[in-house]
N, C-alpha and C. Protein backbone atom coordinates (compact mmCIF):
# COMPACT_ATOMS: atom_id res chain seq x y z
N MET A 1 0.82 -1.20 0.00
CA MET A 1 0.00 0.00 0.00
C MET A 1 0.87 1.26 0.00
N GLU A 2 1.90 1.26 0.84
CA GLU A 2 2.80 2.40 0.93
C GLU A 2 3.56 2.59 -0.39
N GLU A 3 3.97 1.49 -1.02
CA GLU A 3 4.67 1.58 -2.31
C GLU A 3 3.76 2.16 -3.39
N ARG A 4 2.52 1.78 -3.37
CA ARG A 4 1.56 2.30 -4.36
C ARG A 4 1.36 3.80 -4.18
N ARG A 5 1.26 4.26 -2.96
CA ARG A 5 1.10 5.68 -2.69
C ARG A 5 2.35 6.45 -3.15
N MET A 6 3.52 5.89 -2.90
CA MET A 6 4.78 6.51 -3.33
C MET A 6 4.84 6.58 -4.86
N THR A 7 4.43 5.52 -5.54
CA THR A 7 4.41 5.50 -7.00
C THR A 7 3.44 6.54 -7.55
N ASN A 8 2.27 6.64 -6.97
CA ASN A 8 1.29 7.65 -7.41
C ASN A 8 1.82 9.07 -7.19
N THR A 9 2.47 9.29 -6.06
CA THR A 9 3.04 10.60 -5.77
C THR A 9 4.12 10.95 -6.80
N MET A 10 4.97 9.99 -7.12
CA MET A 10 6.02 10.22 -8.12
C MET A 10 5.42 10.50 -9.49
N LEU A 11 4.39 9.78 -9.87
CA LEU A 11 3.74 10.00 -11.16
C LEU A 11 3.14 11.40 -11.24
N ILE A 12 2.50 11.82 -10.18
CA ILE A 12 1.93 13.17 -10.14
C ILE A 12 3.04 14.21 -10.23
N PHE A 13 4.13 14.00 -9.51
CA PHE A 13 5.26 14.94 -9.55
C PHE A 13 5.83 15.04 -10.96
N VAL A 14 6.07 13.90 -11.60
CA VAL A 14 6.61 13.89 -12.97
C VAL A 14 5.64 14.58 -13.92
N PHE A 15 4.36 14.31 -13.79
CA PHE A 15 3.36 14.95 -14.63
C PHE A 15 3.40 16.47 -14.47
N LEU A 16 3.49 16.96 -13.24
CA LEU A 16 3.53 18.41 -13.00
C LEU A 16 4.80 19.04 -13.57
N VAL A 17 5.93 18.35 -13.45
CA VAL A 17 7.18 18.86 -14.02
C VAL A 17 7.08 18.95 -15.53
N VAL A 18 6.56 17.91 -16.17
CA VAL A 18 6.39 17.92 -17.63
C VAL A 18 5.42 19.01 -18.05
N LEU A 19 4.33 19.15 -17.32
CA LEU A 19 3.35 20.19 -17.63
C LEU A 19 3.97 21.58 -17.52
N TYR A 20 4.71 21.84 -16.46
CA TYR A 20 5.36 23.14 -16.28
C TYR A 20 6.36 23.42 -17.39
N ALA A 21 7.13 22.41 -17.76
CA ALA A 21 8.14 22.58 -18.80
C ALA A 21 7.52 22.85 -20.16
N SER A 22 6.29 22.41 -20.37
CA SER A 22 5.66 22.60 -21.68
C SER A 22 4.93 23.93 -21.83
N ILE A 23 4.82 24.70 -20.76
CA ILE A 23 4.15 25.99 -20.83
C ILE A 23 5.03 26.96 -21.60
N PRO A 24 4.50 27.58 -22.69
CA PRO A 24 5.32 28.53 -23.46
C PRO A 24 5.64 29.76 -22.62
N ARG A 25 6.85 30.24 -22.79
CA ARG A 25 7.27 31.43 -22.07
C ARG A 25 7.63 32.52 -23.06
N THR A 26 7.39 33.75 -22.67
CA THR A 26 7.78 34.87 -23.51
C THR A 26 9.00 35.54 -22.90
N HIS A 27 9.73 36.25 -23.72
CA HIS A 27 10.89 36.98 -23.23
C HIS A 27 10.42 38.16 -22.41
N ALA A 28 10.89 38.26 -21.19
CA ALA A 28 10.55 39.40 -20.35
C ALA A 28 11.72 40.36 -20.32
N ALA A 29 12.81 39.97 -20.91
CA ALA A 29 14.03 40.77 -20.86
C ALA A 29 14.02 41.86 -21.92
N ASP A 30 15.03 42.73 -21.84
CA ASP A 30 15.18 43.80 -22.81
C ASP A 30 16.27 43.48 -23.82
N THR A 31 16.80 42.24 -23.80
CA THR A 31 17.90 41.88 -24.69
C THR A 31 17.61 40.60 -25.45
N ILE A 32 18.37 40.43 -26.53
CA ILE A 32 18.39 39.17 -27.27
C ILE A 32 19.85 38.90 -27.59
N SER A 33 20.27 37.66 -27.42
CA SER A 33 21.65 37.29 -27.71
C SER A 33 21.67 36.29 -28.86
N THR A 34 22.87 35.89 -29.26
CA THR A 34 23.01 35.01 -30.42
C THR A 34 22.46 33.61 -30.17
N ASN A 35 22.30 33.22 -28.92
CA ASN A 35 21.77 31.89 -28.64
C ASN A 35 20.28 31.92 -28.33
N GLN A 36 19.62 33.03 -28.61
CA GLN A 36 18.18 33.16 -28.38
C GLN A 36 17.45 33.35 -29.70
N ILE A 37 16.21 32.91 -29.72
CA ILE A 37 15.32 33.09 -30.86
C ILE A 37 14.08 33.80 -30.37
N LEU A 38 13.68 34.84 -31.08
CA LEU A 38 12.42 35.52 -30.77
C LEU A 38 11.40 35.03 -31.78
N ARG A 39 10.40 34.29 -31.31
CA ARG A 39 9.38 33.73 -32.19
C ARG A 39 8.24 34.73 -32.38
N TYR A 40 7.30 34.37 -33.26
CA TYR A 40 6.24 35.30 -33.63
C TYR A 40 5.45 35.82 -32.44
N ASN A 41 5.16 35.02 -31.47
CA ASN A 41 4.33 35.45 -30.35
C ASN A 41 5.14 35.96 -29.15
N GLU A 42 6.42 36.22 -29.34
CA GLU A 42 7.28 36.68 -28.25
C GLU A 42 7.76 38.10 -28.51
N THR A 43 8.08 38.80 -27.44
CA THR A 43 8.60 40.17 -27.55
C THR A 43 9.70 40.38 -26.53
N ILE A 44 10.47 41.45 -26.74
CA ILE A 44 11.34 41.96 -25.68
C ILE A 44 10.84 43.36 -25.35
N THR A 45 11.03 43.76 -24.11
CA THR A 45 10.48 45.02 -23.62
C THR A 45 11.60 45.86 -23.04
N SER A 46 11.55 47.17 -23.26
CA SER A 46 12.56 48.07 -22.70
C SER A 46 12.49 48.03 -21.17
N PRO A 47 13.57 48.41 -20.48
CA PRO A 47 13.63 48.28 -19.01
C PRO A 47 12.45 48.91 -18.26
N GLN A 48 11.98 50.07 -18.68
CA GLN A 48 10.86 50.73 -18.01
C GLN A 48 9.51 50.37 -18.64
N GLU A 49 9.54 49.36 -19.52
CA GLU A 49 8.34 48.88 -20.23
C GLU A 49 7.66 49.97 -21.06
N THR A 50 8.47 50.86 -21.63
CA THR A 50 7.95 51.92 -22.49
C THR A 50 7.74 51.40 -23.91
N PHE A 51 8.70 50.61 -24.40
CA PHE A 51 8.67 50.10 -25.77
C PHE A 51 8.73 48.58 -25.76
N GLU A 52 8.23 48.02 -26.87
CA GLU A 52 8.25 46.58 -27.06
C GLU A 52 8.71 46.29 -28.48
N LEU A 53 9.50 45.24 -28.67
CA LEU A 53 9.99 44.84 -29.98
C LEU A 53 9.52 43.41 -30.24
N GLY A 54 8.99 43.20 -31.43
CA GLY A 54 8.55 41.86 -31.80
C GLY A 54 7.85 41.88 -33.14
N PHE A 55 7.16 40.80 -33.43
CA PHE A 55 6.39 40.69 -34.66
C PHE A 55 5.00 41.29 -34.44
N PHE A 56 4.45 41.90 -35.48
CA PHE A 56 3.10 42.45 -35.39
C PHE A 56 2.46 42.42 -36.77
N SER A 57 1.15 42.56 -36.77
CA SER A 57 0.39 42.66 -38.01
C SER A 57 -0.54 43.86 -37.88
N PRO A 58 -0.47 44.81 -38.82
CA PRO A 58 -1.37 45.98 -38.75
C PRO A 58 -2.83 45.55 -38.87
N PRO A 59 -3.74 46.34 -38.33
CA PRO A 59 -5.17 46.03 -38.48
C PRO A 59 -5.55 45.91 -39.96
N ASN A 60 -6.42 44.99 -40.27
CA ASN A 60 -6.93 44.78 -41.64
C ASN A 60 -5.82 44.45 -42.64
N SER A 61 -4.77 43.79 -42.18
CA SER A 61 -3.67 43.42 -43.07
C SER A 61 -3.33 41.95 -42.86
N LYS A 62 -2.92 41.29 -43.93
CA LYS A 62 -2.46 39.90 -43.83
C LYS A 62 -0.94 39.85 -43.71
N ASN A 63 -0.29 41.01 -43.79
CA ASN A 63 1.16 41.07 -43.70
C ASN A 63 1.62 41.17 -42.25
N HIS A 64 2.85 40.72 -42.02
CA HIS A 64 3.44 40.73 -40.69
C HIS A 64 4.81 41.40 -40.78
N TYR A 65 5.20 42.06 -39.70
CA TYR A 65 6.44 42.82 -39.67
C TYR A 65 7.12 42.65 -38.32
N VAL A 66 8.40 43.03 -38.26
CA VAL A 66 9.11 43.18 -36.99
C VAL A 66 9.20 44.67 -36.74
N GLY A 67 8.85 45.07 -35.54
CA GLY A 67 8.88 46.50 -35.25
C GLY A 67 9.02 46.79 -33.78
N ILE A 68 9.07 48.08 -33.50
CA ILE A 68 9.10 48.59 -32.13
C ILE A 68 7.87 49.47 -31.97
N TRP A 69 7.15 49.30 -30.89
CA TRP A 69 5.95 50.08 -30.63
C TRP A 69 5.89 50.48 -29.17
N TYR A 70 5.05 51.49 -28.90
CA TYR A 70 4.81 51.89 -27.51
C TYR A 70 4.02 50.78 -26.84
N LYS A 71 4.52 50.28 -25.74
CA LYS A 71 3.86 49.16 -25.06
C LYS A 71 2.60 49.59 -24.32
N LYS A 72 2.62 50.76 -23.70
CA LYS A 72 1.52 51.15 -22.82
C LYS A 72 0.42 51.95 -23.51
N ILE A 73 0.58 52.21 -24.79
CA ILE A 73 -0.47 52.90 -25.54
C ILE A 73 -1.37 51.83 -26.15
N SER A 74 -2.66 51.91 -25.89
CA SER A 74 -3.58 50.84 -26.28
C SER A 74 -3.59 50.56 -27.78
N THR A 75 -3.32 51.57 -28.59
CA THR A 75 -3.32 51.34 -30.04
C THR A 75 -2.02 50.70 -30.49
N GLY A 76 -1.03 50.60 -29.60
CA GLY A 76 0.25 49.99 -29.98
C GLY A 76 0.94 50.74 -31.09
N THR A 77 1.05 52.05 -30.95
CA THR A 77 1.64 52.89 -31.99
C THR A 77 3.04 52.40 -32.37
N VAL A 78 3.19 51.98 -33.61
CA VAL A 78 4.47 51.47 -34.11
C VAL A 78 5.36 52.65 -34.45
N VAL A 79 6.61 52.60 -33.96
CA VAL A 79 7.54 53.70 -34.19
C VAL A 79 8.71 53.32 -35.08
N TRP A 80 8.92 52.03 -35.32
CA TRP A 80 10.01 51.59 -36.19
C TRP A 80 9.65 50.23 -36.77
N VAL A 81 9.92 50.04 -38.05
CA VAL A 81 9.65 48.76 -38.72
C VAL A 81 10.93 48.28 -39.40
N ALA A 82 11.31 47.06 -39.12
CA ALA A 82 12.54 46.50 -39.70
C ALA A 82 12.35 46.13 -41.16
N ASN A 83 11.37 45.33 -41.44
CA ASN A 83 11.17 44.76 -42.77
C ASN A 83 10.04 45.45 -43.53
N ARG A 84 10.03 46.76 -43.48
CA ARG A 84 8.97 47.55 -44.12
C ARG A 84 8.79 47.18 -45.59
N ASN A 85 9.88 46.95 -46.31
CA ASN A 85 9.81 46.63 -47.74
C ASN A 85 9.77 45.13 -48.02
N THR A 86 9.79 44.33 -46.97
CA THR A 86 9.75 42.87 -47.13
C THR A 86 8.73 42.30 -46.14
N PRO A 87 7.43 42.54 -46.37
CA PRO A 87 6.43 42.04 -45.43
C PRO A 87 6.39 40.51 -45.41
N LEU A 88 6.07 39.96 -44.27
CA LEU A 88 5.96 38.52 -44.10
C LEU A 88 4.51 38.12 -44.35
N THR A 89 4.31 36.96 -44.95
CA THR A 89 2.95 36.52 -45.26
C THR A 89 2.48 35.38 -44.36
N HIS A 90 3.31 34.96 -43.43
CA HIS A 90 2.94 33.90 -42.49
C HIS A 90 3.67 34.14 -41.16
N THR A 91 3.35 33.33 -40.18
CA THR A 91 3.90 33.55 -38.84
C THR A 91 4.92 32.50 -38.42
N SER A 92 5.34 31.66 -39.33
CA SER A 92 6.37 30.66 -39.02
C SER A 92 7.75 31.26 -39.25
N VAL A 93 8.06 32.28 -38.45
CA VAL A 93 9.29 33.06 -38.61
C VAL A 93 9.95 33.28 -37.25
N GLU A 94 11.23 33.65 -37.30
CA GLU A 94 12.01 33.91 -36.08
C GLU A 94 12.89 35.13 -36.29
N LEU A 95 13.14 35.85 -35.22
CA LEU A 95 14.10 36.95 -35.22
C LEU A 95 15.32 36.48 -34.45
N THR A 96 16.49 36.63 -35.06
CA THR A 96 17.72 36.20 -34.40
C THR A 96 18.80 37.25 -34.58
N LEU A 97 19.85 37.09 -33.82
CA LEU A 97 21.03 37.94 -33.91
C LEU A 97 22.20 37.02 -34.26
N THR A 98 22.90 37.32 -35.36
CA THR A 98 24.00 36.45 -35.78
C THR A 98 25.26 36.73 -34.97
N LEU A 99 26.23 35.85 -35.10
CA LEU A 99 27.51 36.03 -34.42
C LEU A 99 28.26 37.26 -34.90
N HIS A 100 27.86 37.80 -36.07
CA HIS A 100 28.49 39.00 -36.62
C HIS A 100 27.73 40.26 -36.25
N GLY A 101 26.71 40.15 -35.41
CA GLY A 101 25.95 41.32 -34.97
C GLY A 101 24.93 41.79 -35.98
N VAL A 102 24.42 40.88 -36.81
CA VAL A 102 23.41 41.22 -37.81
C VAL A 102 22.05 40.71 -37.33
N LEU A 103 21.04 41.58 -37.39
CA LEU A 103 19.68 41.21 -37.03
C LEU A 103 19.04 40.52 -38.23
N VAL A 104 18.43 39.34 -38.02
CA VAL A 104 17.94 38.52 -39.12
C VAL A 104 16.53 38.01 -38.82
N ILE A 105 15.65 38.09 -39.84
CA ILE A 105 14.36 37.41 -39.80
C ILE A 105 14.51 36.20 -40.71
N ARG A 106 14.18 35.02 -40.19
CA ARG A 106 14.33 33.81 -41.00
C ARG A 106 13.12 32.90 -40.86
N GLU A 107 12.98 32.00 -41.84
CA GLU A 107 11.95 30.97 -41.81
C GLU A 107 12.25 30.05 -40.63
N ALA A 108 11.24 29.75 -39.83
CA ALA A 108 11.45 28.90 -38.66
C ALA A 108 11.78 27.46 -39.05
N THR A 109 11.20 26.98 -40.14
CA THR A 109 11.39 25.58 -40.51
C THR A 109 12.66 25.35 -41.32
N THR A 110 12.99 26.26 -42.22
CA THR A 110 14.14 26.04 -43.11
C THR A 110 15.39 26.82 -42.70
N GLY A 111 15.21 27.88 -41.94
CA GLY A 111 16.34 28.73 -41.58
C GLY A 111 16.70 29.73 -42.67
N ASN A 112 15.97 29.73 -43.79
CA ASN A 112 16.24 30.67 -44.87
C ASN A 112 16.02 32.10 -44.40
N VAL A 113 16.96 32.98 -44.76
CA VAL A 113 16.87 34.38 -44.36
C VAL A 113 15.87 35.10 -45.24
N ILE A 114 14.91 35.78 -44.61
CA ILE A 114 13.90 36.57 -45.32
C ILE A 114 14.33 38.03 -45.37
N TRP A 115 14.91 38.51 -44.27
CA TRP A 115 15.35 39.91 -44.16
C TRP A 115 16.54 39.95 -43.21
N SER A 116 17.46 40.85 -43.47
CA SER A 116 18.54 41.08 -42.51
C SER A 116 18.84 42.57 -42.47
N SER A 117 19.42 42.99 -41.36
CA SER A 117 19.74 44.40 -41.21
C SER A 117 20.82 44.82 -42.20
N ALA A 118 21.53 43.85 -42.74
CA ALA A 118 22.58 44.11 -43.73
C ALA A 118 23.61 45.09 -43.22
N ILE A 119 23.59 45.31 -41.94
CA ILE A 119 24.59 46.19 -41.33
C ILE A 119 25.37 45.34 -40.36
N SER A 120 26.61 45.10 -40.68
CA SER A 120 27.45 44.41 -39.72
C SER A 120 28.58 45.35 -39.36
N SER A 121 29.10 45.15 -38.21
CA SER A 121 30.12 46.06 -37.71
C SER A 121 31.46 45.80 -38.39
N THR A 122 32.23 46.85 -38.54
CA THR A 122 33.60 46.70 -39.02
C THR A 122 34.52 46.42 -37.84
N LYS A 123 33.98 46.55 -36.63
CA LYS A 123 34.74 46.26 -35.41
C LYS A 123 34.71 44.76 -35.15
N SER A 124 35.65 44.30 -34.33
CA SER A 124 35.66 42.91 -33.91
C SER A 124 34.42 42.62 -33.07
N VAL A 125 33.75 41.53 -33.36
CA VAL A 125 32.52 41.20 -32.66
C VAL A 125 32.79 40.06 -31.68
N CYS A 126 32.40 40.27 -30.43
CA CYS A 126 32.56 39.26 -29.39
C CYS A 126 31.28 39.19 -28.58
N ASN A 127 30.51 38.12 -28.78
CA ASN A 127 29.24 37.95 -28.07
C ASN A 127 28.31 39.14 -28.24
N PRO A 128 27.82 39.39 -29.46
CA PRO A 128 26.92 40.53 -29.65
C PRO A 128 25.61 40.35 -28.89
N ILE A 129 25.11 41.45 -28.36
CA ILE A 129 23.85 41.49 -27.63
C ILE A 129 23.00 42.59 -28.26
N GLY A 130 21.73 42.32 -28.51
CA GLY A 130 20.79 43.35 -28.96
C GLY A 130 19.96 43.79 -27.77
N GLN A 131 19.82 45.10 -27.58
CA GLN A 131 19.08 45.61 -26.43
C GLN A 131 18.11 46.69 -26.86
N LEU A 132 16.88 46.61 -26.36
CA LEU A 132 15.86 47.63 -26.58
C LEU A 132 15.93 48.62 -25.43
N LEU A 133 16.18 49.88 -25.76
CA LEU A 133 16.33 50.92 -24.74
C LEU A 133 15.01 51.64 -24.49
N ASP A 134 14.94 52.38 -23.39
CA ASP A 134 13.74 53.15 -23.07
C ASP A 134 13.53 54.34 -24.00
N THR A 135 14.51 54.65 -24.84
CA THR A 135 14.37 55.71 -25.84
C THR A 135 13.65 55.20 -27.08
N GLY A 136 13.48 53.88 -27.18
CA GLY A 136 12.91 53.27 -28.37
C GLY A 136 13.99 52.82 -29.34
N ASN A 137 15.24 53.11 -29.04
CA ASN A 137 16.34 52.67 -29.88
C ASN A 137 16.67 51.21 -29.58
N PHE A 138 17.09 50.50 -30.61
CA PHE A 138 17.56 49.13 -30.47
C PHE A 138 19.03 49.14 -30.83
N VAL A 139 19.89 48.73 -29.90
CA VAL A 139 21.33 48.77 -30.12
C VAL A 139 21.91 47.36 -30.06
N ILE A 140 22.96 47.16 -30.83
CA ILE A 140 23.70 45.90 -30.79
C ILE A 140 25.11 46.24 -30.34
N TYR A 141 25.58 45.55 -29.30
CA TYR A 141 26.89 45.87 -28.75
C TYR A 141 27.62 44.59 -28.35
N ASN A 142 28.95 44.73 -28.17
CA ASN A 142 29.76 43.63 -27.66
C ASN A 142 29.44 43.44 -26.19
N GLU A 143 29.17 42.23 -25.78
CA GLU A 143 28.80 41.97 -24.38
C GLU A 143 29.94 42.31 -23.41
N GLY A 144 31.16 41.95 -23.75
CA GLY A 144 32.28 42.14 -22.83
C GLY A 144 32.63 43.58 -22.53
N ASP A 145 32.87 44.36 -23.58
CA ASP A 145 33.33 45.74 -23.36
C ASP A 145 32.26 46.79 -23.63
N LYS A 146 31.04 46.35 -23.94
CA LYS A 146 29.89 47.24 -24.18
C LYS A 146 30.11 48.19 -25.36
N THR A 147 31.05 47.86 -26.26
CA THR A 147 31.27 48.67 -27.45
C THR A 147 30.07 48.54 -28.37
N MET A 148 29.46 49.67 -28.73
CA MET A 148 28.29 49.63 -29.61
C MET A 148 28.72 49.29 -31.03
N LEU A 149 28.04 48.34 -31.62
CA LEU A 149 28.33 47.91 -32.99
C LEU A 149 27.38 48.57 -33.98
N VAL A 150 26.08 48.52 -33.69
CA VAL A 150 25.05 49.05 -34.58
C VAL A 150 23.94 49.63 -33.73
N GLN A 151 23.33 50.71 -34.22
CA GLN A 151 22.19 51.30 -33.52
C GLN A 151 21.08 51.55 -34.52
N PHE A 152 19.89 51.06 -34.19
CA PHE A 152 18.68 51.35 -34.96
C PHE A 152 17.93 52.36 -34.12
N CYS A 153 17.84 53.59 -34.60
CA CYS A 153 17.29 54.63 -33.73
C CYS A 153 16.09 55.33 -34.35
N LEU A 154 15.35 55.95 -33.46
CA LEU A 154 14.21 56.77 -33.86
C LEU A 154 14.70 58.20 -33.89
N CYS A 155 14.80 58.76 -35.07
CA CYS A 155 15.26 60.13 -35.21
C CYS A 155 14.07 60.99 -35.63
N MET A 156 14.07 62.22 -35.24
CA MET A 156 12.96 63.10 -35.59
C MET A 156 13.38 64.02 -36.73
N LYS A 157 12.58 64.03 -37.78
CA LYS A 157 12.79 64.99 -38.86
C LYS A 157 12.28 66.34 -38.40
N GLU A 158 12.53 67.36 -39.20
CA GLU A 158 12.08 68.70 -38.83
C GLU A 158 10.57 68.77 -38.70
N ASN A 159 9.84 67.97 -39.46
CA ASN A 159 8.37 68.01 -39.38
C ASN A 159 7.83 67.02 -38.34
N ASN A 160 8.71 66.53 -37.47
CA ASN A 160 8.36 65.66 -36.35
C ASN A 160 7.80 64.29 -36.75
N THR A 161 8.15 63.80 -37.93
CA THR A 161 7.74 62.44 -38.28
C THR A 161 8.94 61.52 -38.07
N ASN A 162 8.67 60.31 -37.69
CA ASN A 162 9.74 59.36 -37.42
C ASN A 162 10.36 58.85 -38.71
N HIS A 163 11.64 58.65 -38.69
CA HIS A 163 12.32 57.91 -39.73
C HIS A 163 13.43 57.12 -39.08
N THR A 164 13.96 56.17 -39.79
CA THR A 164 14.96 55.29 -39.23
C THR A 164 16.34 55.77 -39.60
N CYS A 165 17.25 55.73 -38.65
CA CYS A 165 18.64 56.02 -38.96
C CYS A 165 19.49 54.89 -38.40
N HIS A 166 20.58 54.63 -39.04
CA HIS A 166 21.51 53.60 -38.58
C HIS A 166 22.83 54.30 -38.28
N SER A 167 23.50 53.87 -37.23
CA SER A 167 24.83 54.39 -36.97
C SER A 167 25.71 53.24 -36.54
N ARG A 168 27.00 53.42 -36.71
CA ARG A 168 27.95 52.35 -36.31
C ARG A 168 28.87 52.86 -35.25
């Protein structure tokens, strides 16, 4: 009788561990590294939770994009779009950071690159990290010495409309 109770307890414990491990988790961090994948339903958030980066689809559109938007504004105002000229038509995609500090959108099943930032640093790259800042800028830097490699920033034109600028 005691052995049966012990066996049942172990089975319940194993079941709960497997159940917990199968629960999908989203990135709560403000960074992405080369060993991480950001999937369609995941985002990263700036430290003060002002901005969010991830995949989105505009209302009444079948296209999907990677962008940065205001997290706390109910309309989710998008302030930067990575693949503006290369819209995605499905959600089986991933956002990754390469060992060379290049931001890449790729097919989840084949690994084929759909879009890349096409900006790689001329500096030596050592453990690149992508970070979403509270300014809405997304920067890629060397983890060890914090040397900035690439910056995707929100710049204001004279007429106060957003446009994208890149700096190295």
